[in-house]
């Protein structure tokens, strides 16, 4: 597992990490990548909301609603994050979490 440091632009609108695929947005890449296992805020690591949602889909709510809530939670955590916990130790790059 590695920690990818987040780089923010001057206006703090864009947040990126250096991935095997190059510099990528945490909002459009990491959030949907199977390698994203957590969000680091200071010294604390929060599990990836999407990872947790995929493990806990139970049918009580619609799957779409569960995944939408996870995406919103990821965005909230990412706003103050300092790093992304990535398990891509083989350097394979982005792999979609939602492919079957």
PDB file of N, CA and C in Angstrom:
ATOM      1  N   UNK A   1       0.865  -1.172   0.000  1.00  0.00           N
ATOM      2  CA  UNK A   1       0.000   0.000   0.000  1.00  0.00           C
ATOM      3  C   UNK A   1       0.903   1.223   0.000  1.00  0.00           C
ATOM      4  N   UNK A   2       0.517   2.204  -0.796  1.00  0.00           N
ATOM      5  CA  UNK A   2       1.289   3.440  -0.855  1.00  0.00           C
ATOM      6  C   UNK A   2       0.349   4.624  -0.668  1.00  0.00           C
ATOM      7  N   UNK A   3       0.911   5.721  -0.210  1.00  0.00           N
ATOM      8  CA  UNK A   3       0.160   6.958  -0.063  1.00  0.00           C
ATOM      9  C   UNK A   3       0.562   7.895  -1.183  1.00  0.00           C
ATOM     10  N   UNK A   4      -0.419   8.332  -1.963  1.00  0.00           N
ATOM     11  CA  UNK A   4      -0.183   9.281  -3.043  1.00  0.00           C
ATOM     12  C   UNK A   4      -0.533  10.671  -2.528  1.00  0.00           C
ATOM     13  N   UNK A   5       0.444  11.553  -2.479  1.00  0.00           N
ATOM     14  CA  UNK A   5       0.223  12.914  -1.990  1.00  0.00           C
ATOM     15  C   UNK A   5      -0.659  13.691  -2.963  1.00  0.00           C
ATOM     16  N   UNK A   6      -1.586  14.435  -2.422  1.00  0.00           N
ATOM     17  CA  UNK A   6      -2.498  15.242  -3.237  1.00  0.00           C
ATOM     18  C   UNK A   6      -1.875  16.608  -3.491  1.00  0.00           C
ATOM     19  N   UNK A   7      -1.919  17.015  -4.754  1.00  0.00           N
ATOM     20  CA  UNK A   7      -1.471  18.346  -5.167  1.00  0.00           C
ATOM     21  C   UNK A   7      -2.711  19.137  -5.568  1.00  0.00           C
ATOM     22  N   UNK A   8      -2.824  20.340  -5.032  1.00  0.00           N
ATOM     23  CA  UNK A   8      -3.976  21.191  -5.355  1.00  0.00           C
ATOM     24  C   UNK A   8      -3.504  22.401  -6.162  1.00  0.00           C
ATOM     25  N   UNK A   9      -4.366  22.864  -7.077  1.00  0.00           N
ATOM     26  CA  UNK A   9      -4.015  24.057  -7.855  1.00  0.00           C
ATOM     27  C   UNK A   9      -4.166  25.308  -6.991  1.00  0.00           C
ATOM     28  N   UNK A  10      -3.814  26.449  -7.540  1.00  0.00           N
ATOM     29  CA  UNK A  10      -3.830  27.709  -6.790  1.00  0.00           C
ATOM     30  C   UNK A  10      -5.196  28.032  -6.195  1.00  0.00           C
ATOM     31  N   UNK A  11      -6.241  27.748  -6.926  1.00  0.00           N
ATOM     32  CA  UNK A  11      -7.600  28.061  -6.474  1.00  0.00           C
ATOM     33  C   UNK A  11      -8.208  26.931  -5.652  1.00  0.00           C
ATOM     34  N   UNK A  12      -7.457  25.858  -5.469  1.00  0.00           N
ATOM     35  CA  UNK A  12      -7.894  24.671  -4.724  1.00  0.00           C
ATOM     36  C   UNK A  12      -9.168  24.069  -5.305  1.00  0.00           C
ATOM     37  N   UNK A  13      -9.274  24.132  -6.625  1.00  0.00           N
ATOM     38  CA  UNK A  13     -10.415  23.547  -7.319  1.00  0.00           C
ATOM     39  C   UNK A  13     -10.061  22.145  -7.802  1.00  0.00           C
ATOM     40  N   UNK A  14      -8.858  21.995  -8.316  1.00  0.00           N
ATOM     41  CA  UNK A  14      -8.406  20.713  -8.864  1.00  0.00           C
ATOM     42  C   UNK A  14      -7.457  20.050  -7.879  1.00  0.00           C
ATOM     43  N   UNK A  15      -7.702  18.775  -7.593  1.00  0.00           N
ATOM     44  CA  UNK A  15      -6.847  17.990  -6.708  1.00  0.00           C
ATOM     45  C   UNK A  15      -6.369  16.774  -7.483  1.00  0.00           C
ATOM     46  N   UNK A  16      -5.051  16.610  -7.569  1.00  0.00           N
ATOM     47  CA  UNK A  16      -4.489  15.519  -8.369  1.00  0.00           C
ATOM     48  C   UNK A  16      -3.459  14.731  -7.566  1.00  0.00           C
ATOM     49  N   UNK A  17      -3.170  13.520  -8.070  1.00  0.00           N
ATOM     50  CA  UNK A  17      -2.096  12.684  -7.535  1.00  0.00           C
ATOM     51  C   UNK A  17      -1.281  12.165  -8.709  1.00  0.00           C
ATOM     52  N   UNK A  18      -0.040  11.800  -8.429  1.00  0.00           N
ATOM     53  CA  UNK A  18       0.804  11.179  -9.447  1.00  0.00           C
ATOM     54  C   UNK A  18       0.565   9.678  -9.409  1.00  0.00           C
ATOM     55  N   UNK A  19      -0.143   9.195 -10.416  1.00  0.00           N
ATOM     56  CA  UNK A  19      -0.513   7.791 -10.559  1.00  0.00           C
ATOM     57  C   UNK A  19       0.404   7.167 -11.619  1.00  0.00           C
ATOM     58  N   UNK A  20       0.354   5.879 -11.744  1.00  0.00           N
ATOM     59  CA  UNK A  20       1.068   5.197 -12.819  1.00  0.00           C
ATOM     60  C   UNK A  20       0.650   5.751 -14.176  1.00  0.00           C
ATOM     61  N   UNK A  21      -0.618   6.157 -14.284  1.00  0.00           N
ATOM     62  CA  UNK A  21      -1.149   6.709 -15.528  1.00  0.00           C
ATOM     63  C   UNK A  21      -0.762   8.175 -15.746  1.00  0.00           C
ATOM     64  N   UNK A  22      -0.024   8.765 -14.820  1.00  0.00           N
ATOM     65  CA  UNK A  22       0.337  10.176 -14.888  1.00  0.00           C
ATOM     66  C   UNK A  22      -0.405  10.954 -13.824  1.00  0.00           C
ATOM     67  N   UNK A  23      -0.474  12.265 -13.988  1.00  0.00           N
ATOM     68  CA  UNK A  23      -1.187  13.107 -13.033  1.00  0.00           C
ATOM     69  C   UNK A  23      -2.685  12.978 -13.302  1.00  0.00           C
ATOM     70  N   UNK A  24      -3.435  12.529 -12.285  1.00  0.00           N
ATOM     71  CA  UNK A  24      -4.869  12.296 -12.453  1.00  0.00           C
ATOM     72  C   UNK A  24      -5.656  12.984 -11.345  1.00  0.00           C
ATOM     73  N   UNK A  25      -6.895  13.316 -11.643  1.00  0.00           N
ATOM     74  CA  UNK A  25      -7.796  13.930 -10.677  1.00  0.00           C
ATOM     75  C   UNK A  25      -8.275  12.893  -9.675  1.00  0.00           C
ATOM     76  N   UNK A  26      -8.266  13.266  -8.400  1.00  0.00           N
ATOM     77  CA  UNK A  26      -8.767  12.321  -7.395  1.00  0.00           C
ATOM     78  C   UNK A  26     -10.282  12.175  -7.508  1.00  0.00           C
ATOM     79  N   UNK A  27     -10.951  13.209  -7.999  1.00  0.00           N
ATOM     80  CA  UNK A  27     -12.409  13.175  -8.088  1.00  0.00           C
ATOM     81  C   UNK A  27     -12.919  12.316  -9.238  1.00  0.00           C
ATOM     82  N   UNK A  28     -12.201  12.297 -10.363  1.00  0.00           N
ATOM     83  CA  UNK A  28     -12.695  11.530 -11.512  1.00  0.00           C
ATOM     84  C   UNK A  28     -11.936  10.225 -11.724  1.00  0.00           C
ATOM     85  N   UNK A  29     -10.796  10.052 -11.081  1.00  0.00           N
ATOM     86  CA  UNK A  29     -10.056   8.803 -11.241  1.00  0.00           C
ATOM     87  C   UNK A  29     -10.024   7.988  -9.950  1.00  0.00           C
ATOM     88  N   UNK A  30      -9.388   8.522  -8.923  1.00  0.00           N
ATOM     89  CA  UNK A  30      -9.231   7.764  -7.674  1.00  0.00           C
ATOM     90  C   UNK A  30     -10.577   7.324  -7.096  1.00  0.00           C
ATOM     91  N   UNK A  31     -11.553   8.190  -7.155  1.00  0.00           N
ATOM     92  CA  UNK A  31     -12.861   7.875  -6.583  1.00  0.00           C
ATOM     93  C   UNK A  31     -13.477   6.625  -7.204  1.00  0.00           C
ATOM     94  N   UNK A  32     -13.134   6.339  -8.455  1.00  0.00           N
ATOM     95  CA  UNK A  32     -13.746   5.219  -9.169  1.00  0.00           C
ATOM     96  C   UNK A  32     -12.764   4.089  -9.462  1.00  0.00           C
ATOM     97  N   UNK A  33     -11.583   4.145  -8.842  1.00  0.00           N
ATOM     98  CA  UNK A  33     -10.541   3.142  -9.093  1.00  0.00           C
ATOM     99  C   UNK A  33     -10.554   2.064  -8.013  1.00  0.00           C
ATOM    100  N   UNK A  34     -10.417   0.843  -8.428  1.00  0.00           N
ATOM    101  CA  UNK A  34     -10.422  -0.280  -7.500  1.00  0.00           C
ATOM    102  C   UNK A  34      -9.225  -0.262  -6.545  1.00  0.00           C
ATOM    103  N   UNK A  35      -8.173   0.451  -6.902  1.00  0.00           N
ATOM    104  CA  UNK A  35      -6.979   0.517  -6.061  1.00  0.00           C
ATOM    105  C   UNK A  35      -7.115   1.506  -4.910  1.00  0.00           C
ATOM    106  N   UNK A  36      -8.106   2.406  -4.962  1.00  0.00           N
ATOM    107  CA  UNK A  36      -8.290   3.413  -3.909  1.00  0.00           C
ATOM    108  C   UNK A  36      -8.881   2.739  -2.677  1.00  0.00           C
ATOM    109  N   UNK A  37      -8.088   2.691  -1.618  1.00  0.00           N
ATOM    110  CA  UNK A  37      -8.526   2.020  -0.391  1.00  0.00           C
ATOM    111  C   UNK A  37      -8.802   2.971   0.753  1.00  0.00           C
ATOM    112  N   UNK A  38      -8.390   4.236   0.604  1.00  0.00           N
ATOM    113  CA  UNK A  38      -8.641   5.163   1.695  1.00  0.00           C
ATOM    114  C   UNK A  38      -8.244   6.583   1.361  1.00  0.00           C
ATOM    115  N   UNK A  39      -8.680   7.479   2.237  1.00  0.00           N
ATOM    116  CA  UNK A  39      -8.395   8.899   2.100  1.00  0.00           C
ATOM    117  C   UNK A  39      -7.677   9.337   3.361  1.00  0.00           C
ATOM    118  N   UNK A  40      -6.504   9.923   3.195  1.00  0.00           N
ATOM    119  CA  UNK A  40      -5.710  10.379   4.337  1.00  0.00           C
ATOM    120  C   UNK A  40      -5.988  11.852   4.588  1.00  0.00           C
ATOM    121  N   UNK A  41      -6.354  12.149   5.831  1.00  0.00           N
ATOM    122  CA  UNK A  41      -6.516  13.521   6.286  1.00  0.00           C
ATOM    123  C   UNK A  41      -5.596  13.667   7.489  1.00  0.00           C
ATOM    124  N   UNK A  42      -4.470  14.335   7.273  1.00  0.00           N
ATOM    125  CA  UNK A  42      -3.450  14.413   8.314  1.00  0.00           C
ATOM    126  C   UNK A  42      -2.878  13.025   8.571  1.00  0.00           C
ATOM    127  N   UNK A  43      -2.933  12.577   9.800  1.00  0.00           N
ATOM    128  CA  UNK A  43      -2.424  11.248  10.164  1.00  0.00           C
ATOM    129  C   UNK A  43      -3.510  10.165  10.106  1.00  0.00           C
ATOM    130  N   UNK A  44      -4.744  10.568   9.964  1.00  0.00           N
ATOM    131  CA  UNK A  44      -5.862   9.615  10.000  1.00  0.00           C
ATOM    132  C   UNK A  44      -6.227   9.152   8.591  1.00  0.00           C
ATOM    133  N   UNK A  45      -6.527   7.870   8.467  1.00  0.00           N
ATOM    134  CA  UNK A  45      -6.953   7.294   7.186  1.00  0.00           C
ATOM    135  C   UNK A  45      -8.411   6.865   7.302  1.00  0.00           C
ATOM    136  N   UNK A  46      -9.220   7.359   6.373  1.00  0.00           N
ATOM    137  CA  UNK A  46     -10.628   6.981   6.308  1.00  0.00           C
ATOM    138  C   UNK A  46     -10.800   6.000   5.160  1.00  0.00           C
ATOM    139  N   UNK A  47     -11.525   4.911   5.372  1.00  0.00           N
ATOM    140  CA  UNK A  47     -11.727   3.957   4.273  1.00  0.00           C
ATOM    141  C   UNK A  47     -12.475   4.610   3.117  1.00  0.00           C
ATOM    142  N   UNK A  48     -12.168   4.174   1.915  1.00  0.00           N
ATOM    143  CA  UNK A  48     -12.841   4.701   0.736  1.00  0.00           C
ATOM    144  C   UNK A  48     -14.343   4.431   0.845  1.00  0.00           C
ATOM    145  N   UNK A  49     -15.180   5.469   0.783  1.00  0.00           N
ATOM    146  CA  UNK A  49     -16.624   5.263   0.886  1.00  0.00           C
ATOM    147  C   UNK A  49     -17.168   4.334  -0.204  1.00  0.00           C
ATOM    148  N   UNK A  50     -16.597   4.401  -1.410  1.00  0.00           N
ATOM    149  CA  UNK A  50     -17.069   3.530  -2.488  1.00  0.00           C
ATOM    150  C   UNK A  50     -16.742   2.067  -2.187  1.00  0.00           C
ATOM    151  N   UNK A  51     -15.566   1.826  -1.631  1.00  0.00           N
ATOM    152  CA  UNK A  51     -15.170   0.468  -1.264  1.00  0.00           C
ATOM    153  C   UNK A  51     -16.134  -0.100  -0.226  1.00  0.00           C
ATOM    154  N   UNK A  52     -16.419   0.699   0.774  1.00  0.00           N
ATOM    155  CA  UNK A  52     -17.343   0.287   1.834  1.00  0.00           C
ATOM    156  C   UNK A  52     -18.736   0.046   1.270  1.00  0.00           C
ATOM    157  N   UNK A  53     -19.187   0.928   0.389  1.00  0.00           N
ATOM    158  CA  UNK A  53     -20.527   0.786  -0.200  1.00  0.00           C
ATOM    159  C   UNK A  53     -20.635  -0.497  -1.011  1.00  0.00           C
ATOM    160  N   UNK A  54     -19.602  -0.807  -1.797  1.00  0.00           N
ATOM    161  CA  UNK A  54     -19.650  -2.018  -2.622  1.00  0.00           C
ATOM    162  C   UNK A  54     -19.717  -3.276  -1.745  1.00  0.00           C
ATOM    163  N   UNK A  55     -19.082  -3.236  -0.597  1.00  0.00           N
ATOM    164  CA  UNK A  55     -19.094  -4.391   0.307  1.00  0.00           C
ATOM    165  C   UNK A  55     -20.410  -4.506   1.068  1.00  0.00           C
ATOM    166  N   UNK A  56     -21.116  -3.383   1.226  1.00  0.00           N
ATOM    167  CA  UNK A  56     -22.304  -3.363   2.073  1.00  0.00           C
ATOM    168  C   UNK A  56     -23.623  -3.205   1.331  1.00  0.00           C
ATOM    169  N   UNK A  57     -23.611  -3.289   0.008  1.00  0.00           N
ATOM    170  CA  UNK A  57     -24.875  -3.175  -0.727  1.00  0.00           C
ATOM    171  C   UNK A  57     -25.757  -4.350  -0.321  1.00  0.00           C
ATOM    172  N   UNK A  58     -26.923  -4.003   0.234  1.00  0.00           N
ATOM    173  CA  UNK A  58     -27.777  -5.045   0.806  1.00  0.00           C
ATOM    174  C   UNK A  58     -29.141  -5.151   0.156  1.00  0.00           C
ATOM    175  N   UNK A  59     -29.494  -4.188  -0.665  1.00  0.00           N
ATOM    176  CA  UNK A  59     -30.801  -4.239  -1.298  1.00  0.00           C
ATOM    177  C   UNK A  59     -31.850  -3.433  -0.553  1.00  0.00           C
ATOM    178  N   UNK A  60     -31.521  -2.892   0.633  1.00  0.00           N
ATOM    179  CA  UNK A  60     -32.485  -2.077   1.369  1.00  0.00           C
ATOM    180  C   UNK A  60     -32.759  -0.774   0.624  1.00  0.00           C
ATOM    181  N   UNK A  61     -31.695  -0.150   0.134  1.00  0.00           N
ATOM    182  CA  UNK A  61     -31.842   1.037  -0.700  1.00  0.00           C
ATOM    183  C   UNK A  61     -31.471   0.608  -2.110  1.00  0.00           C
ATOM    184  N   UNK A  62     -31.776   1.446  -3.074  1.00  0.00           N
ATOM    185  CA  UNK A  62     -31.348   1.100  -4.423  1.00  0.00           C
ATOM    186  C   UNK A  62     -29.828   1.190  -4.473  1.00  0.00           C
ATOM    187  N   UNK A  63     -29.214   0.335  -5.263  1.00  0.00           N
ATOM    188  CA  UNK A  63     -27.767   0.338  -5.406  1.00  0.00           C
ATOM    189  C   UNK A  63     -27.266   1.689  -5.879  1.00  0.00           C
ATOM    190  N   UNK A  64     -27.991   2.325  -6.789  1.00  0.00           N
ATOM    191  CA  UNK A  64     -27.599   3.640  -7.298  1.00  0.00           C
ATOM    192  C   UNK A  64     -27.547   4.671  -6.177  1.00  0.00           C
ATOM    193  N   UNK A  65     -28.516   4.629  -5.280  1.00  0.00           N
ATOM    194  CA  UNK A  65     -28.560   5.581  -4.173  1.00  0.00           C
ATOM    195  C   UNK A  65     -27.378   5.368  -3.221  1.00  0.00           C
ATOM    196  N   UNK A  66     -27.049   4.129  -2.939  1.00  0.00           N
ATOM    197  CA  UNK A  66     -25.919   3.807  -2.068  1.00  0.00           C
ATOM    198  C   UNK A  66     -24.624   4.325  -2.685  1.00  0.00           C
ATOM    199  N   UNK A  67     -24.430   4.084  -3.974  1.00  0.00           N
ATOM    200  CA  UNK A  67     -23.208   4.519  -4.642  1.00  0.00           C
ATOM    201  C   UNK A  67     -23.146   6.039  -4.777  1.00  0.00           C
ATOM    202  N   UNK A  68     -24.267   6.697  -4.985  1.00  0.00           N
ATOM    203  CA  UNK A  68     -24.296   8.160  -5.050  1.00  0.00           C
ATOM    204  C   UNK A  68     -23.924   8.756  -3.700  1.00  0.00           C
ATOM    205  N   UNK A  69     -24.453   8.196  -2.627  1.00  0.00           N
ATOM    206  CA  UNK A  69     -24.100   8.670  -1.285  1.00  0.00           C
ATOM    207  C   UNK A  69     -22.610   8.478  -1.014  1.00  0.00           C
ATOM    208  N   UNK A  70     -22.058   7.360  -1.454  1.00  0.00           N
ATOM    209  CA  UNK A  70     -20.626   7.102  -1.273  1.00  0.00           C
ATOM    210  C   UNK A  70     -19.787   8.118  -2.045  1.00  0.00           C
ATOM    211  N   UNK A  71     -20.203   8.455  -3.259  1.00  0.00           N
ATOM    212  CA  UNK A  71     -19.477   9.432  -4.068  1.00  0.00           C
ATOM    213  C   UNK A  71     -19.507  10.807  -3.403  1.00  0.00           C
ATOM    214  N   UNK A  72     -20.645  11.189  -2.855  1.00  0.00           N
ATOM    215  CA  UNK A  72     -20.735  12.485  -2.172  1.00  0.00           C
ATOM    216  C   UNK A  72     -19.875  12.490  -0.911  1.00  0.00           C
ATOM    217  N   UNK A  73     -19.839  11.383  -0.196  1.00  0.00           N
ATOM    218  CA  UNK A  73     -19.006  11.292   0.996  1.00  0.00           C
ATOM    219  C   UNK A  73     -17.521  11.361   0.617  1.00  0.00           C
ATOM    220  N   UNK A  74     -17.133  10.703  -0.472  1.00  0.00           N
ATOM    221  CA  UNK A  74     -15.751  10.772  -0.954  1.00  0.00           C
ATOM    222  C   UNK A  74     -15.375  12.226  -1.236  1.00  0.00           C
ATOM    223  N   UNK A  75     -16.235  12.943  -1.948  1.00  0.00           N
ATOM    224  CA  UNK A  75     -15.960  14.344  -2.287  1.00  0.00           C
ATOM    225  C   UNK A  75     -15.821  15.207  -1.032  1.00  0.00           C
ATOM    226  N   UNK A  76     -16.637  14.952  -0.028  1.00  0.00           N
ATOM    227  CA  UNK A  76     -16.546  15.701   1.225  1.00  0.00           C
ATOM    228  C   UNK A  76     -15.222  15.448   1.933  1.00  0.00           C
ATOM    229  N   UNK A  77     -14.825  14.189   2.011  1.00  0.00           N
ATOM    230  CA  UNK A  77     -13.553  13.848   2.646  1.00  0.00           C
ATOM    231  C   UNK A  77     -12.370  14.384   1.839  1.00  0.00           C
ATOM    232  N   UNK A  78     -12.463  14.289   0.527  1.00  0.00           N
ATOM    233  CA  UNK A  78     -11.365  14.694  -0.352  1.00  0.00           C
ATOM    234  C   UNK A  78     -11.087  16.189  -0.275  1.00  0.00           C
ATOM    235  N   UNK A  79     -12.073  16.974   0.109  1.00  0.00           N
ATOM    236  CA  UNK A  79     -11.897  18.423   0.178  1.00  0.00           C
ATOM    237  C   UNK A  79     -10.788  18.812   1.153  1.00  0.00           C
ATOM    238  N   UNK A  80     -10.588  18.018   2.199  1.00  0.00           N
ATOM    239  CA  UNK A  80      -9.542  18.344   3.168  1.00  0.00           C
ATOM    240  C   UNK A  80      -8.455  17.262   3.234  1.00  0.00           C
ATOM    241  N   UNK A  81      -8.452  16.368   2.271  1.00  0.00           N
ATOM    242  CA  UNK A  81      -7.491  15.260   2.269  1.00  0.00           C
ATOM    243  C   UNK A  81      -6.082  15.715   1.914  1.00  0.00           C
ATOM    244  N   UNK A  82      -5.111  14.977   2.430  1.00  0.00           N
ATOM    245  CA  UNK A  82      -3.711  15.242   2.100  1.00  0.00           C
ATOM    246  C   UNK A  82      -3.122  14.128   1.236  1.00  0.00           C
ATOM    247  N   UNK A  83      -3.812  12.973   1.172  1.00  0.00           N
ATOM    248  CA  UNK A  83      -3.308  11.868   0.377  1.00  0.00           C
ATOM    249  C   UNK A  83      -4.375  10.821   0.106  1.00  0.00           C
ATOM    250  N   UNK A  84      -4.072   9.953  -0.849  1.00  0.00           N
ATOM    251  CA  UNK A  84      -4.936   8.826  -1.210  1.00  0.00           C
ATOM    252  C   UNK A  84      -4.163   7.548  -0.920  1.00  0.00           C
ATOM    253  N   UNK A  85      -4.795   6.622  -0.221  1.00  0.00           N
ATOM    254  CA  UNK A  85      -4.182   5.324   0.053  1.00  0.00           C
ATOM    255  C   UNK A  85      -4.472   4.411  -1.142  1.00  0.00           C
ATOM    256  N   UNK A  86      -3.420   3.953  -1.799  1.00  0.00           N
ATOM    257  CA  UNK A  86      -3.535   3.204  -3.052  1.00  0.00           C
ATOM    258  C   UNK A  86      -2.836   1.858  -2.901  1.00  0.00           C
ATOM    259  N   UNK A  87      -3.511   0.786  -3.287  1.00  0.00           N
ATOM    260  CA  UNK A  87      -2.887  -0.536  -3.181  1.00  0.00           C
ATOM    261  C   UNK A  87      -2.323  -1.032  -4.517  1.00  0.00           C
ATOM    262  N   UNK A  88      -2.065  -0.124  -5.437  1.00  0.00           N
ATOM    263  CA  UNK A  88      -1.531  -0.485  -6.755  1.00  0.00           C
ATOM    264  C   UNK A  88      -0.011  -0.701  -6.686  1.00  0.00           C
ATOM    265  N   UNK A  89       0.407  -1.683  -5.921  1.00  0.00           N
ATOM    266  CA  UNK A  89       1.831  -1.961  -5.762  1.00  0.00           C
ATOM    267  C   UNK A  89       2.452  -2.548  -7.036  1.00  0.00           C
ATOM    268  N   UNK A  90       1.622  -3.063  -7.935  1.00  0.00           N
ATOM    269  CA  UNK A  90       2.107  -3.626  -9.196  1.00  0.00           C
ATOM    270  C   UNK A  90       2.199  -2.565 -10.291  1.00  0.00           C
ATOM    271  N   UNK A  91       1.765  -1.339  -9.992  1.00  0.00           N
ATOM    272  CA  UNK A  91       1.775  -0.223 -10.950  1.00  0.00           C
ATOM    273  C   UNK A  91       1.008  -0.536 -12.234  1.00  0.00           C
ATOM    274  N   UNK A  92      -0.199  -1.046 -12.068  1.00  0.00           N
ATOM    275  CA  UNK A  92      -1.046  -1.352 -13.223  1.00  0.00           C
ATOM    276  C   UNK A  92      -1.870  -0.148 -13.671  1.00  0.00           C
ATOM    277  N   UNK A  93      -1.997   0.862 -12.816  1.00  0.00           N
ATOM    278  CA  UNK A  93      -2.761   2.056 -13.165  1.00  0.00           C
ATOM    279  C   UNK A  93      -4.242   1.897 -12.887  1.00  0.00           C
ATOM    280  N   UNK A  94      -5.008   2.841 -13.410  1.00  0.00           N
ATOM    281  CA  UNK A  94      -6.454   2.897 -13.155  1.00  0.00           C
ATOM    282  C   UNK A  94      -7.160   1.626 -13.599  1.00  0.00           C
ATOM    283  N   UNK A  95      -8.013   1.123 -12.708  1.00  0.00           N
ATOM    284  CA  UNK A  95      -8.929   0.018 -13.033  1.00  0.00           C
ATOM    285  C   UNK A  95     -10.267   0.382 -12.420  1.00  0.00           C
ATOM    286  N   UNK A  96     -11.298   0.406 -13.226  1.00  0.00           N
ATOM    287  CA  UNK A  96     -12.607   0.812 -12.767  1.00  0.00           C
ATOM    288  C   UNK A  96     -13.140  -0.114 -11.679  1.00  0.00           C
ATOM    289  N   UNK A  97     -13.663   0.478 -10.652  1.00  0.00           N
ATOM    290  CA  UNK A  97     -14.264  -0.254  -9.549  1.00  0.00           C
ATOM    291  C   UNK A  97     -15.583  -0.908  -9.962  1.00  0.00           C
ATOM    292  N   UNK A  98     -16.228  -0.388 -11.001  1.00  0.00           N
ATOM    293  CA  UNK A  98     -17.581  -0.811 -11.340  1.00  0.00           C
ATOM    294  C   UNK A  98     -17.670  -1.719 -12.560  1.00  0.00           C
ATOM    295  N   UNK A  99     -16.572  -2.120 -13.131  1.00  0.00           N
ATOM    296  CA  UNK A  99     -16.613  -3.063 -14.268  1.00  0.00           C
ATOM    297  C   UNK A  99     -16.961  -4.438 -13.775  1.00  0.00           C
ATOM    298  N   UNK A 100     -17.690  -5.112 -14.589  1.00  0.00           N
ATOM    299  CA  UNK A 100     -18.032  -6.504 -14.239  1.00  0.00           C
ATOM    300  C   UNK A 100     -17.417  -7.427 -15.235  1.00  0.00           C
TER     301      UNK A 100
END
